[in-house]
Amino acid sequence: MKGGGLRLVPRISTIRATRRLSMTPSYSKSTISCSAAQPETVKTVQSIIAKQLSIDESTVAPETKFADLGADSLDIVEIMMALEEKFAVSIGEAGAENIATVKDAADLIEKVKAAPASTSV
């Protein structure tokens, strides 16, 4: 019985160590850089957001969260509609729900533009 217990403890700690290592993705930076929006797209998105919120464009950085810009849910809906019109795409409600930052919006625009015409995000 002692032998079984001794084998079980190392096995559990090995499994925990393995899980701990696998829970820290080493690929996250490459995933983000792969989906990065074109600089022109980011600039256009920044401009549209600044116009919709009546704020200075220099305050709209790619990493800025909509909430930090004072945008409420209605503002975000209006921004998404303006982006859809400007880029001639359909973002859809599901896609818009995942947007927290200016860069998220620009990345989504690039993703939708690259998707087949019948697909919306």
PDB file of N, CA and C in Angstrom:
ATOM      1  N   MET A   1       0.809  -1.189   0.000  1.00  0.00           N
ATOM      2  CA  MET A   1       0.000   0.000   0.000  1.00  0.00           C
ATOM      3  C   MET A   1       0.853   1.253   0.000  1.00  0.00           C
ATOM      4  N   LYS A   2       1.981   1.217   0.734  1.00  0.00           N
ATOM      5  CA  LYS A   2       2.864   2.376   0.725  1.00  0.00           C
ATOM      6  C   LYS A   2       3.442   2.609  -0.662  1.00  0.00           C
ATOM      7  N   GLY A   3       3.753   1.547  -1.356  1.00  0.00           N
ATOM      8  CA  GLY A   3       4.316   1.687  -2.699  1.00  0.00           C
ATOM      9  C   GLY A   3       3.344   2.381  -3.642  1.00  0.00           C
ATOM     10  N   GLY A   4       2.055   2.027  -3.546  1.00  0.00           N
ATOM     11  CA  GLY A   4       1.056   2.664  -4.404  1.00  0.00           C
ATOM     12  C   GLY A   4       0.926   4.136  -4.110  1.00  0.00           C
ATOM     13  N   GLY A   5       0.993   4.494  -2.841  1.00  0.00           N
ATOM     14  CA  GLY A   5       0.896   5.898  -2.474  1.00  0.00           C
ATOM     15  C   GLY A   5       2.097   6.689  -2.935  1.00  0.00           C
ATOM     16  N   LEU A   6       3.274   6.074  -2.858  1.00  0.00           N
ATOM     17  CA  LEU A   6       4.485   6.765  -3.293  1.00  0.00           C
ATOM     18  C   LEU A   6       4.475   7.006  -4.789  1.00  0.00           C
ATOM     19  N   ARG A   7       3.950   6.072  -5.541  1.00  0.00           N
ATOM     20  CA  ARG A   7       3.894   6.271  -6.988  1.00  0.00           C
ATOM     21  C   ARG A   7       2.837   7.306  -7.375  1.00  0.00           C
ATOM     22  N   LEU A   8       1.788   7.373  -6.617  1.00  0.00           N
ATOM     23  CA  LEU A   8       0.706   8.307  -6.922  1.00  0.00           C
ATOM     24  C   LEU A   8       1.133   9.758  -6.713  1.00  0.00           C
ATOM     25  N   VAL A   9       1.877  10.052  -5.669  1.00  0.00           N
ATOM     26  CA  VAL A   9       2.285  11.427  -5.394  1.00  0.00           C
ATOM     27  C   VAL A   9       3.143  11.998  -6.509  1.00  0.00           C
ATOM     28  N   PRO A  10       4.214  11.301  -6.955  1.00  0.00           N
ATOM     29  CA  PRO A  10       4.990  11.856  -8.064  1.00  0.00           C
ATOM     30  C   PRO A  10       4.157  12.011  -9.329  1.00  0.00           C
ATOM     31  N   ARG A  11       3.257  11.082  -9.589  1.00  0.00           N
ATOM     32  CA  ARG A  11       2.432  11.171 -10.789  1.00  0.00           C
ATOM     33  C   ARG A  11       1.552  12.420 -10.742  1.00  0.00           C
ATOM     34  N   ILE A  12       0.968  12.701  -9.608  1.00  0.00           N
ATOM     35  CA  ILE A  12       0.117  13.881  -9.471  1.00  0.00           C
ATOM     36  C   ILE A  12       0.945  15.148  -9.643  1.00  0.00           C
ATOM     37  N   SER A  13       2.122  15.203  -8.981  1.00  0.00           N
ATOM     38  CA  SER A  13       2.924  16.413  -9.134  1.00  0.00           C
ATOM     39  C   SER A  13       3.427  16.576 -10.558  1.00  0.00           C
ATOM     40  N   THR A  14       3.708  15.491 -11.248  1.00  0.00           N
ATOM     41  CA  THR A  14       4.144  15.587 -12.635  1.00  0.00           C
ATOM     42  C   THR A  14       2.999  16.103 -13.498  1.00  0.00           C
ATOM     43  N   ILE A  15       1.805  15.595 -13.258  1.00  0.00           N
ATOM     44  CA  ILE A  15       0.648  16.047 -14.029  1.00  0.00           C
ATOM     45  C   ILE A  15       0.380  17.517 -13.751  1.00  0.00           C
ATOM     46  N   ARG A  16       0.448  17.919 -12.507  1.00  0.00           N
ATOM     47  CA  ARG A  16       0.228  19.327 -12.178  1.00  0.00           C
ATOM     48  C   ARG A  16       1.279  20.202 -12.838  1.00  0.00           C
ATOM     49  N   ALA A  17       2.522  19.778 -12.810  1.00  0.00           N
ATOM     50  CA  ALA A  17       3.586  20.564 -13.448  1.00  0.00           C
ATOM     51  C   ALA A  17       3.335  20.663 -14.939  1.00  0.00           C
ATOM     52  N   THR A  18       2.906  19.579 -15.552  1.00  0.00           N
ATOM     53  CA  THR A  18       2.628  19.586 -16.984  1.00  0.00           C
ATOM     54  C   THR A  18       1.473  20.524 -17.289  1.00  0.00           C
ATOM     55  N   ARG A  19       0.418  20.455 -16.499  1.00  0.00           N
ATOM     56  CA  ARG A  19      -0.722  21.344 -16.721  1.00  0.00           C
ATOM     57  C   ARG A  19      -0.326  22.798 -16.530  1.00  0.00           C
ATOM     58  N   ARG A  20       0.469  23.062 -15.533  1.00  0.00           N
ATOM     59  CA  ARG A  20       0.896  24.432 -15.271  1.00  0.00           C
ATOM     60  C   ARG A  20       1.665  24.967 -16.472  1.00  0.00           C
ATOM     61  N   LEU A  21       2.524  24.146 -17.031  1.00  0.00           N
ATOM     62  CA  LEU A  21       3.297  24.591 -18.191  1.00  0.00           C
ATOM     63  C   LEU A  21       2.402  24.782 -19.405  1.00  0.00           C
ATOM     64  N   SER A  22       1.450  23.888 -19.605  1.00  0.00           N
ATOM     65  CA  SER A  22       0.601  23.988 -20.780  1.00  0.00           C
ATOM     66  C   SER A  22      -0.421  25.126 -20.673  1.00  0.00           C
ATOM     67  N   MET A  23      -0.701  25.584 -19.453  1.00  0.00           N
ATOM     68  CA  MET A  23      -1.656  26.665 -19.286  1.00  0.00           C
ATOM     69  C   MET A  23      -1.047  28.023 -19.618  1.00  0.00           C
ATOM     70  N   THR A  24       0.254  28.090 -19.755  1.00  0.00           N
ATOM     71  CA  THR A  24       0.914  29.334 -20.123  1.00  0.00           C
ATOM     72  C   THR A  24       1.269  29.251 -21.605  1.00  0.00           C
ATOM     73  N   PRO A  25       0.405  29.762 -22.473  1.00  0.00           N
ATOM     74  CA  PRO A  25       0.672  29.627 -23.908  1.00  0.00           C
ATOM     75  C   PRO A  25       1.872  30.460 -24.332  1.00  0.00           C
ATOM     76  N   SER A  26       2.770  29.827 -25.039  1.00  0.00           N
ATOM     77  CA  SER A  26       3.944  30.531 -25.516  1.00  0.00           C
ATOM     78  C   SER A  26       3.702  31.119 -26.906  1.00  0.00           C
ATOM     79  N   TYR A  27       2.567  30.812 -27.490  1.00  0.00           N
ATOM     80  CA  TYR A  27       2.271  31.254 -28.845  1.00  0.00           C
ATOM     81  C   TYR A  27       1.403  32.500 -28.900  1.00  0.00           C
ATOM     82  N   SER A  28       0.995  33.040 -27.780  1.00  0.00           N
ATOM     83  CA  SER A  28       0.038  34.142 -27.785  1.00  0.00           C
ATOM     84  C   SER A  28       0.556  35.377 -28.506  1.00  0.00           C
ATOM     85  N   LYS A  29       1.821  35.689 -28.368  1.00  0.00           N
ATOM     86  CA  LYS A  29       2.346  36.875 -29.046  1.00  0.00           C
ATOM     87  C   LYS A  29       2.330  36.692 -30.557  1.00  0.00           C
ATOM     88  N   SER A  30       2.689  35.522 -31.036  1.00  0.00           N
ATOM     89  CA  SER A  30       2.680  35.304 -32.474  1.00  0.00           C
ATOM     90  C   SER A  30       1.261  35.320 -33.024  1.00  0.00           C
ATOM     91  N   THR A  31       0.296  34.828 -32.246  1.00  0.00           N
ATOM     92  CA  THR A  31      -1.088  34.858 -32.690  1.00  0.00           C
ATOM     93  C   THR A  31      -1.570  36.295 -32.841  1.00  0.00           C
ATOM     94  N   ILE A  32      -1.240  37.143 -31.908  1.00  0.00           N
ATOM     95  CA  ILE A  32      -1.662  38.540 -31.967  1.00  0.00           C
ATOM     96  C   ILE A  32      -1.012  39.238 -33.153  1.00  0.00           C
ATOM     97  N   SER A  33       0.271  39.022 -33.362  1.00  0.00           N
ATOM     98  CA  SER A  33       0.951  39.708 -34.448  1.00  0.00           C
ATOM     99  C   SER A  33       0.470  39.236 -35.814  1.00  0.00           C
ATOM    100  N   CYS A  34       0.010  37.979 -35.906  1.00  0.00           N
ATOM    101  CA  CYS A  34      -0.485  37.464 -37.179  1.00  0.00           C
ATOM    102  C   CYS A  34      -1.783  38.145 -37.593  1.00  0.00           C
ATOM    103  N   SER A  35      -2.606  38.527 -36.621  1.00  0.00           N
ATOM    104  CA  SER A  35      -3.897  39.111 -36.949  1.00  0.00           C
ATOM    105  C   SER A  35      -3.877  40.635 -36.884  1.00  0.00           C
ATOM    106  N   ALA A  36      -2.707  41.208 -36.837  1.00  0.00           N
ATOM    107  CA  ALA A  36      -2.606  42.660 -36.716  1.00  0.00           C
ATOM    108  C   ALA A  36      -3.174  43.342 -37.950  1.00  0.00           C
ATOM    109  N   ALA A  37      -3.943  44.375 -37.696  1.00  0.00           N
ATOM    110  CA  ALA A  37      -4.554  45.139 -38.780  1.00  0.00           C
ATOM    111  C   ALA A  37      -3.510  46.004 -39.481  1.00  0.00           C
ATOM    112  N   GLN A  38      -3.785  46.319 -40.713  1.00  0.00           N
ATOM    113  CA  GLN A  38      -2.923  47.203 -41.482  1.00  0.00           C
ATOM    114  C   GLN A  38      -2.918  48.588 -40.831  1.00  0.00           C
ATOM    115  N   PRO A  39      -1.791  49.291 -40.869  1.00  0.00           N
ATOM    116  CA  PRO A  39      -1.726  50.629 -40.261  1.00  0.00           C
ATOM    117  C   PRO A  39      -2.789  51.585 -40.801  1.00  0.00           C
ATOM    118  N   GLU A  40      -3.102  51.476 -42.094  1.00  0.00           N
ATOM    119  CA  GLU A  40      -4.119  52.352 -42.675  1.00  0.00           C
ATOM    120  C   GLU A  40      -5.492  52.071 -42.066  1.00  0.00           C
ATOM    121  N   THR A  41      -5.764  50.799 -41.824  1.00  0.00           N
ATOM    122  CA  THR A  41      -7.041  50.421 -41.219  1.00  0.00           C
ATOM    123  C   THR A  41      -7.135  50.964 -39.804  1.00  0.00           C
ATOM    124  N   VAL A  42      -6.063  50.810 -39.031  1.00  0.00           N
ATOM    125  CA  VAL A  42      -6.034  51.310 -37.650  1.00  0.00           C
ATOM    126  C   VAL A  42      -6.262  52.819 -37.652  1.00  0.00           C
ATOM    127  N   LYS A  43      -5.589  53.534 -38.551  1.00  0.00           N
ATOM    128  CA  LYS A  43      -5.715  54.990 -38.632  1.00  0.00           C
ATOM    129  C   LYS A  43      -7.149  55.401 -38.967  1.00  0.00           C
ATOM    130  N   THR A  44      -7.759  54.710 -39.909  1.00  0.00           N
ATOM    131  CA  THR A  44      -9.135  55.013 -40.291  1.00  0.00           C
ATOM    132  C   THR A  44     -10.102  54.732 -39.137  1.00  0.00           C
ATOM    133  N   VAL A  45      -9.897  53.608 -38.452  1.00  0.00           N
ATOM    134  CA  VAL A  45     -10.741  53.256 -37.304  1.00  0.00           C
ATOM    135  C   VAL A  45     -10.596  54.315 -36.211  1.00  0.00           C
ATOM    136  N   GLN A  46      -9.364  54.731 -35.944  1.00  0.00           N
ATOM    137  CA  GLN A  46      -9.131  55.785 -34.940  1.00  0.00           C
ATOM    138  C   GLN A  46      -9.882  57.058 -35.315  1.00  0.00           C
ATOM    139  N   SER A  47      -9.817  57.430 -36.569  1.00  0.00           N
ATOM    140  CA  SER A  47     -10.474  58.639 -37.046  1.00  0.00           C
ATOM    141  C   SER A  47     -11.991  58.553 -36.883  1.00  0.00           C
ATOM    142  N   ILE A  48     -12.560  57.417 -37.250  1.00  0.00           N
ATOM    143  CA  ILE A  48     -14.016  57.235 -37.143  1.00  0.00           C
ATOM    144  C   ILE A  48     -14.454  57.276 -35.680  1.00  0.00           C
ATOM    145  N   ILE A  49     -13.688  56.616 -34.818  1.00  0.00           N
ATOM    146  CA  ILE A  49     -14.033  56.602 -33.388  1.00  0.00           C
ATOM    147  C   ILE A  49     -13.975  58.017 -32.813  1.00  0.00           C
ATOM    148  N   ALA A  50     -12.916  58.747 -33.151  1.00  0.00           N
ATOM    149  CA  ALA A  50     -12.785  60.123 -32.656  1.00  0.00           C
ATOM    150  C   ALA A  50     -13.958  60.981 -33.133  1.00  0.00           C
ATOM    151  N   LYS A  51     -14.340  60.815 -34.384  1.00  0.00           N
ATOM    152  CA  LYS A  51     -15.456  61.591 -34.935  1.00  0.00           C
ATOM    153  C   LYS A  51     -16.767  61.220 -34.248  1.00  0.00           C
ATOM    154  N   GLN A  52     -17.016  59.923 -34.070  1.00  0.00           N
ATOM    155  CA  GLN A  52     -18.261  59.472 -33.444  1.00  0.00           C
ATOM    156  C   GLN A  52     -18.379  59.936 -31.995  1.00  0.00           C
ATOM    157  N   LEU A  53     -17.246  59.984 -31.284  1.00  0.00           N
ATOM    158  CA  LEU A  53     -17.266  60.370 -29.874  1.00  0.00           C
ATOM    159  C   LEU A  53     -16.988  61.854 -29.660  1.00  0.00           C
ATOM    160  N   SER A  54     -16.768  62.586 -30.751  1.00  0.00           N
ATOM    161  CA  SER A  54     -16.456  64.019 -30.693  1.00  0.00           C
ATOM    162  C   SER A  54     -15.273  64.301 -29.765  1.00  0.00           C
ATOM    163  N   ILE A  55     -14.193  63.540 -29.994  1.00  0.00           N
ATOM    164  CA  ILE A  55     -12.972  63.729 -29.210  1.00  0.00           C
ATOM    165  C   ILE A  55     -11.798  63.920 -30.155  1.00  0.00           C
ATOM    166  N   ASP A  56     -10.684  64.395 -29.618  1.00  0.00           N
ATOM    167  CA  ASP A  56      -9.489  64.604 -30.419  1.00  0.00           C
ATOM    168  C   ASP A  56      -8.908  63.253 -30.837  1.00  0.00           C
ATOM    169  N   GLU A  57      -8.563  63.136 -32.103  1.00  0.00           N
ATOM    170  CA  GLU A  57      -8.045  61.877 -32.639  1.00  0.00           C
ATOM    171  C   GLU A  57      -6.754  61.437 -31.941  1.00  0.00           C
ATOM    172  N   SER A  58      -5.978  62.384 -31.438  1.00  0.00           N
ATOM    173  CA  SER A  58      -4.714  62.023 -30.777  1.00  0.00           C
ATOM    174  C   SER A  58      -4.946  61.276 -29.464  1.00  0.00           C
ATOM    175  N   THR A  59      -6.156  61.313 -28.929  1.00  0.00           N
ATOM    176  CA  THR A  59      -6.460  60.587 -27.690  1.00  0.00           C
ATOM    177  C   THR A  59      -6.879  59.144 -27.951  1.00  0.00           C
ATOM    178  N   VAL A  60      -7.005  58.785 -29.220  1.00  0.00           N
ATOM    179  CA  VAL A  60      -7.462  57.449 -29.594  1.00  0.00           C
ATOM    180  C   VAL A  60      -6.267  56.623 -30.060  1.00  0.00           C
ATOM    181  N   ALA A  61      -5.662  55.878 -29.126  1.00  0.00           N
ATOM    182  CA  ALA A  61      -4.536  55.001 -29.440  1.00  0.00           C
ATOM    183  C   ALA A  61      -5.066  53.592 -29.703  1.00  0.00           C
ATOM    184  N   PRO A  62      -4.316  52.770 -30.441  1.00  0.00           N
ATOM    185  CA  PRO A  62      -4.780  51.402 -30.722  1.00  0.00           C
ATOM    186  C   PRO A  62      -5.118  50.592 -29.473  1.00  0.00           C
ATOM    187  N   GLU A  63      -4.383  50.797 -28.394  1.00  0.00           N
ATOM    188  CA  GLU A  63      -4.593  50.015 -27.171  1.00  0.00           C
ATOM    189  C   GLU A  63      -5.700  50.584 -26.284  1.00  0.00           C
ATOM    190  N   THR A  64      -6.241  51.733 -26.651  1.00  0.00           N
ATOM    191  CA  THR A  64      -7.255  52.393 -25.829  1.00  0.00           C
ATOM    192  C   THR A  64      -8.556  51.597 -25.830  1.00  0.00           C
ATOM    193  N   LYS A  65      -9.113  51.420 -24.645  1.00  0.00           N
ATOM    194  CA  LYS A  65     -10.399  50.735 -24.518  1.00  0.00           C
ATOM    195  C   LYS A  65     -11.515  51.742 -24.766  1.00  0.00           C
ATOM    196  N   PHE A  66     -12.607  51.260 -25.349  1.00  0.00           N
ATOM    197  CA  PHE A  66     -13.751  52.127 -25.616  1.00  0.00           C
ATOM    198  C   PHE A  66     -14.265  52.757 -24.332  1.00  0.00           C
ATOM    199  N   ALA A  67     -14.282  51.989 -23.264  1.00  0.00           N
ATOM    200  CA  ALA A  67     -14.760  52.512 -21.978  1.00  0.00           C
ATOM    201  C   ALA A  67     -13.891  53.678 -21.510  1.00  0.00           C
ATOM    202  N   ASP A  68     -12.578  53.607 -21.765  1.00  0.00           N
ATOM    203  CA  ASP A  68     -11.676  54.689 -21.372  1.00  0.00           C
ATOM    204  C   ASP A  68     -11.920  55.962 -22.180  1.00  0.00           C
ATOM    205  N   LEU A  69     -12.544  55.810 -23.332  1.00  0.00           N
ATOM    206  CA  LEU A  69     -12.872  56.966 -24.164  1.00  0.00           C
ATOM    207  C   LEU A  69     -14.237  57.543 -23.800  1.00  0.00           C
ATOM    208  N   GLY A  70     -14.908  56.908 -22.853  1.00  0.00           N
ATOM    209  CA  GLY A  70     -16.218  57.373 -22.435  1.00  0.00           C
ATOM    210  C   GLY A  70     -17.353  56.851 -23.287  1.00  0.00           C
ATOM    211  N   ALA A  71     -17.085  55.812 -24.086  1.00  0.00           N
ATOM    212  CA  ALA A  71     -18.113  55.262 -24.965  1.00  0.00           C
ATOM    213  C   ALA A  71     -19.048  54.342 -24.195  1.00  0.00           C
ATOM    214  N   ASP A  72     -20.357  54.558 -24.368  1.00  0.00           N
ATOM    215  CA  ASP A  72     -21.333  53.641 -23.786  1.00  0.00           C
ATOM    216  C   ASP A  72     -21.781  52.660 -24.873  1.00  0.00           C
ATOM    217  N   SER A  73     -22.706  51.792 -24.555  1.00  0.00           N
ATOM    218  CA  SER A  73     -23.115  50.758 -25.507  1.00  0.00           C
ATOM    219  C   SER A  73     -23.720  51.351 -26.786  1.00  0.00           C
ATOM    220  N   LEU A  74     -24.469  52.437 -26.662  1.00  0.00           N
ATOM    221  CA  LEU A  74     -25.039  53.078 -27.845  1.00  0.00           C
ATOM    222  C   LEU A  74     -23.930  53.666 -28.723  1.00  0.00           C
ATOM    223  N   ASP A  75     -22.929  54.283 -28.098  1.00  0.00           N
ATOM    224  CA  ASP A  75     -21.795  54.817 -28.857  1.00  0.00           C
ATOM    225  C   ASP A  75     -21.091  53.702 -29.629  1.00  0.00           C
ATOM    226  N   ILE A  76     -20.916  52.565 -28.983  1.00  0.00           N
ATOM    227  CA  ILE A  76     -20.220  51.445 -29.628  1.00  0.00           C
ATOM    228  C   ILE A  76     -21.024  50.934 -30.820  1.00  0.00           C
ATOM    229  N   VAL A  77     -22.339  50.860 -30.678  1.00  0.00           N
ATOM    230  CA  VAL A  77     -23.192  50.440 -31.798  1.00  0.00           C
ATOM    231  C   VAL A  77     -23.047  51.423 -32.956  1.00  0.00           C
ATOM    232  N   GLU A  78     -23.056  52.713 -32.660  1.00  0.00           N
ATOM    233  CA  GLU A  78     -22.908  53.727 -33.708  1.00  0.00           C
ATOM    234  C   GLU A  78     -21.534  53.655 -34.364  1.00  0.00           C
ATOM    235  N   ILE A  79     -20.507  53.393 -33.573  1.00  0.00           N
ATOM    236  CA  ILE A  79     -19.148  53.243 -34.122  1.00  0.00           C
ATOM    237  C   ILE A  79     -19.106  52.042 -35.057  1.00  0.00           C
ATOM    238  N   MET A  80     -19.689  50.914 -34.633  1.00  0.00           N
ATOM    239  CA  MET A  80     -19.691  49.708 -35.471  1.00  0.00           C
ATOM    240  C   MET A  80     -20.437  49.958 -36.780  1.00  0.00           C
ATOM    241  N   MET A  81     -21.545  50.674 -36.701  1.00  0.00           N
ATOM    242  CA  MET A  81     -22.296  50.993 -37.922  1.00  0.00           C
ATOM    243  C   MET A  81     -21.470  51.873 -38.856  1.00  0.00           C
ATOM    244  N   ALA A  82     -20.773  52.858 -38.292  1.00  0.00           N
ATOM    245  CA  ALA A  82     -19.929  53.733 -39.119  1.00  0.00           C
ATOM    246  C   ALA A  82     -18.785  52.946 -39.742  1.00  0.00           C
ATOM    247  N   LEU A  83     -18.208  52.011 -38.991  1.00  0.00           N
ATOM    248  CA  LEU A  83     -17.121  51.181 -39.526  1.00  0.00           C
ATOM    249  C   LEU A  83     -17.632  50.272 -40.643  1.00  0.00           C
ATOM    250  N   GLU A  84     -18.812  49.688 -40.441  1.00  0.00           N
ATOM    251  CA  GLU A  84     -19.396  48.839 -41.482  1.00  0.00           C
ATOM    252  C   GLU A  84     -19.615  49.633 -42.767  1.00  0.00           C
ATOM    253  N   GLU A  85     -20.120  50.848 -42.616  1.00  0.00           N
ATOM    254  CA  GLU A  85     -20.367  51.694 -43.784  1.00  0.00           C
ATOM    255  C   GLU A  85     -19.063  52.079 -44.476  1.00  0.00           C
ATOM    256  N   LYS A  86     -18.074  52.517 -43.709  1.00  0.00           N
ATOM    257  CA  LYS A  86     -16.799  52.970 -44.269  1.00  0.00           C
ATOM    258  C   LYS A  86     -16.068  51.846 -45.005  1.00  0.00           C
ATOM    259  N   PHE A  87     -16.043  50.647 -44.411  1.00  0.00           N
ATOM    260  CA  PHE A  87     -15.287  49.541 -44.982  1.00  0.00           C
ATOM    261  C   PHE A  87     -16.143  48.604 -45.826  1.00  0.00           C
ATOM    262  N   ALA A  88     -17.436  48.898 -45.954  1.00  0.00           N
ATOM    263  CA  ALA A  88     -18.368  48.094 -46.740  1.00  0.00           C
ATOM    264  C   ALA A  88     -18.322  46.630 -46.317  1.00  0.00           C
ATOM    265  N   VAL A  89     -18.450  46.416 -45.003  1.00  0.00           N
ATOM    266  CA  VAL A  89     -18.459  45.066 -44.443  1.00  0.00           C
ATOM    267  C   VAL A  89     -19.642  44.935 -43.486  1.00  0.00           C
ATOM    268  N   SER A  90     -19.920  43.690 -43.093  1.00  0.00           N
ATOM    269  CA  SER A  90     -20.939  43.425 -42.090  1.00  0.00           C
ATOM    270  C   SER A  90     -20.260  42.769 -40.902  1.00  0.00           C
ATOM    271  N   ILE A  91     -20.177  43.486 -39.808  1.00  0.00           N
ATOM    272  CA  ILE A  91     -19.487  42.979 -38.620  1.00  0.00           C
ATOM    273  C   ILE A  91     -20.375  42.003 -37.862  1.00  0.00           C
ATOM    274  N   GLY A  92     -21.614  42.322 -37.714  1.00  0.00           N
ATOM    275  CA  GLY A  92     -22.527  41.455 -36.992  1.00  0.00           C
ATOM    276  C   GLY A  92     -22.419  41.663 -35.491  1.00  0.00           C
ATOM    277  N   GLU A  93     -23.482  41.305 -34.804  1.00  0.00           N
ATOM    278  CA  GLU A  93     -23.542  41.506 -33.357  1.00  0.00           C
ATOM    279  C   GLU A  93     -22.530  40.638 -32.621  1.00  0.00           C
ATOM    280  N   ALA A  94     -22.360  39.403 -33.065  1.00  0.00           N
ATOM    281  CA  ALA A  94     -21.427  38.488 -32.401  1.00  0.00           C
ATOM    282  C   ALA A  94     -19.992  39.012 -32.484  1.00  0.00           C
ATOM    283  N   GLY A  95     -19.619  39.550 -33.613  1.00  0.00           N
ATOM    284  CA  GLY A  95     -18.277  40.100 -33.770  1.00  0.00           C
ATOM    285  C   GLY A  95     -18.067  41.340 -32.934  1.00  0.00           C
ATOM    286  N   ALA A  96     -19.076  42.186 -32.877  1.00  0.00           N
ATOM    287  CA  ALA A  96     -18.973  43.436 -32.128  1.00  0.00           C
ATOM    288  C   ALA A  96     -18.868  43.197 -30.627  1.00  0.00           C
ATOM    289  N   GLU A  97     -19.420  42.102 -30.130  1.00  0.00           N
ATOM    290  CA  GLU A  97     -19.374  41.812 -28.700  1.00  0.00           C
ATOM    291  C   GLU A  97     -17.954  41.559 -28.197  1.00  0.00           C
ATOM    292  N   ASN A  98     -17.054  41.138 -29.067  1.00  0.00           N
ATOM    293  CA  ASN A  98     -15.691  40.800 -28.673  1.00  0.00           C
ATOM    294  C   ASN A  98     -14.720  41.968 -28.771  1.00  0.00           C
ATOM    295  N   ILE A  99     -15.224  43.145 -29.068  1.00  0.00           N
ATOM    296  CA  ILE A  99     -14.360  44.304 -29.242  1.00  0.00           C
ATOM    297  C   ILE A  99     -14.272  45.091 -27.945  1.00  0.00           C
ATOM    298  N   ALA A 100     -13.041  45.270 -27.464  1.00  0.00           N
ATOM    299  CA  ALA A 100     -12.832  46.064 -26.249  1.00  0.00           C
ATOM    300  C   ALA A 100     -11.955  47.272 -26.525  1.00  0.00           C
ATOM    301  N   THR A 101     -11.034  47.143 -27.491  1.00  0.00           N
ATOM    302  CA  THR A 101     -10.089  48.219 -27.780  1.00  0.00           C
ATOM    303  C   THR A 101     -10.213  48.672 -29.231  1.00  0.00           C
ATOM    304  N   VAL A 102      -9.574  49.775 -29.517  1.00  0.00           N
ATOM    305  CA  VAL A 102      -9.534  50.314 -30.878  1.00  0.00           C
ATOM    306  C   VAL A 102      -8.873  49.288 -31.810  1.00  0.00           C
ATOM    307  N   LYS A 103      -7.802  48.669 -31.358  1.00  0.00           N
ATOM    308  CA  LYS A 103      -7.099  47.672 -32.162  1.00  0.00           C
ATOM    309  C   LYS A 103      -7.977  46.454 -32.411  1.00  0.00           C
ATOM    310  N   ASP A 104      -8.781  46.059 -31.416  1.00  0.00           N
ATOM    311  CA  ASP A 104      -9.709  44.944 -31.616  1.00  0.00           C
ATOM    312  C   ASP A 104     -10.642  45.249 -32.784  1.00  0.00           C
ATOM    313  N   ALA A 105     -11.128  46.472 -32.848  1.00  0.00           N
ATOM    314  CA  ALA A 105     -12.035  46.871 -33.928  1.00  0.00           C
ATOM    315  C   ALA A 105     -11.321  46.807 -35.280  1.00  0.00           C
ATOM    316  N   ALA A 106     -10.097  47.317 -35.341  1.00  0.00           N
ATOM    317  CA  ALA A 106      -9.334  47.302 -36.595  1.00  0.00           C
ATOM    318  C   ALA A 106      -9.017  45.867 -37.010  1.00  0.00           C
ATOM    319  N   ASP A 107      -8.652  45.023 -36.049  1.00  0.00           N
ATOM    320  CA  ASP A 107      -8.370  43.616 -36.351  1.00  0.00           C
ATOM    321  C   ASP A 107      -9.617  42.915 -36.883  1.00  0.00           C
ATOM    322  N   LEU A 108     -10.766  43.212 -36.282  1.00  0.00           N
ATOM    323  CA  LEU A 108     -12.007  42.600 -36.738  1.00  0.00           C
ATOM    324  C   LEU A 108     -12.347  43.039 -38.161  1.00  0.00           C
ATOM    325  N   ILE A 109     -12.136  44.296 -38.460  1.00  0.00           N
ATOM    326  CA  ILE A 109     -12.369  44.794 -39.826  1.00  0.00           C
ATOM    327  C   ILE A 109     -11.512  44.002 -40.815  1.00  0.00           C
ATOM    328  N   GLU A 110     -10.232  43.837 -40.504  1.00  0.00           N
ATOM    329  CA  GLU A 110      -9.327  43.078 -41.387  1.00  0.00           C
ATOM    330  C   GLU A 110      -9.807  41.636 -41.537  1.00  0.00           C
ATOM    331  N   LYS A 111     -10.253  41.035 -40.442  1.00  0.00           N
ATOM    332  CA  LYS A 111     -10.726  39.653 -40.477  1.00  0.00           C
ATOM    333  C   LYS A 111     -11.961  39.525 -41.349  1.00  0.00           C
ATOM    334  N   VAL A 112     -12.893  40.455 -41.201  1.00  0.00           N
ATOM    335  CA  VAL A 112     -14.126  40.417 -41.986  1.00  0.00           C
ATOM    336  C   VAL A 112     -13.833  40.665 -43.461  1.00  0.00           C
ATOM    337  N   LYS A 113     -12.917  41.592 -43.743  1.00  0.00           N
ATOM    338  CA  LYS A 113     -12.560  41.876 -45.141  1.00  0.00           C
ATOM    339  C   LYS A 113     -11.920  40.667 -45.797  1.00  0.00           C
ATOM    340  N   ALA A 114     -11.178  39.863 -45.033  1.00  0.00           N
ATOM    341  CA  ALA A 114     -10.485  38.712 -45.570  1.00  0.00           C
ATOM    342  C   ALA A 114     -11.394  37.488 -45.704  1.00  0.00           C
ATOM    343  N   ALA A 115     -12.530  37.493 -44.999  1.00  0.00           N
ATOM    344  CA  ALA A 115     -13.450  36.354 -45.009  1.00  0.00           C
ATOM    345  C   ALA A 115     -14.221  36.318 -46.329  1.00  0.00           C
ATOM    346  N   PRO A 116     -14.700  35.134 -46.697  1.00  0.00           N
ATOM    347  CA  PRO A 116     -15.545  35.034 -47.896  1.00  0.00           C
ATOM    348  C   PRO A 116     -16.763  35.948 -47.767  1.00  0.00           C
ATOM    349  N   ALA A 117     -17.265  36.420 -48.882  1.00  0.00           N
ATOM    350  CA  ALA A 117     -18.345  37.404 -48.902  1.00  0.00           C
ATOM    351  C   ALA A 117     -19.592  36.953 -48.167  1.00  0.00           C
ATOM    352  N   SER A 118     -19.903  35.661 -48.167  1.00  0.00           N
ATOM    353  CA  SER A 118     -21.133  35.195 -47.518  1.00  0.00           C
ATOM    354  C   SER A 118     -20.983  35.024 -46.019  1.00  0.00           C
ATOM    355  N   THR A 119     -19.772  35.165 -45.489  1.00  0.00           N
ATOM    356  CA  THR A 119     -19.535  34.957 -44.070  1.00  0.00           C
ATOM    357  C   THR A 119     -19.479  36.281 -43.349  1.00  0.00           C
ATOM    358  N   SER A 120     -20.140  36.373 -42.204  1.00  0.00           N
ATOM    359  CA  SER A 120     -20.015  37.553 -41.358  1.00  0.00           C
ATOM    360  C   SER A 120     -19.538  37.095 -39.990  1.00  0.00           C
ATOM    361  N   VAL A 121     -18.797  37.975 -39.291  1.00  0.00           N
ATOM    362  CA  VAL A 121     -18.236  37.599 -37.996  1.00  0.00           C
ATOM    363  C   VAL A 121     -19.168  38.022 -36.901  1.00  0.00           C
TER     364      VAL A 121
END
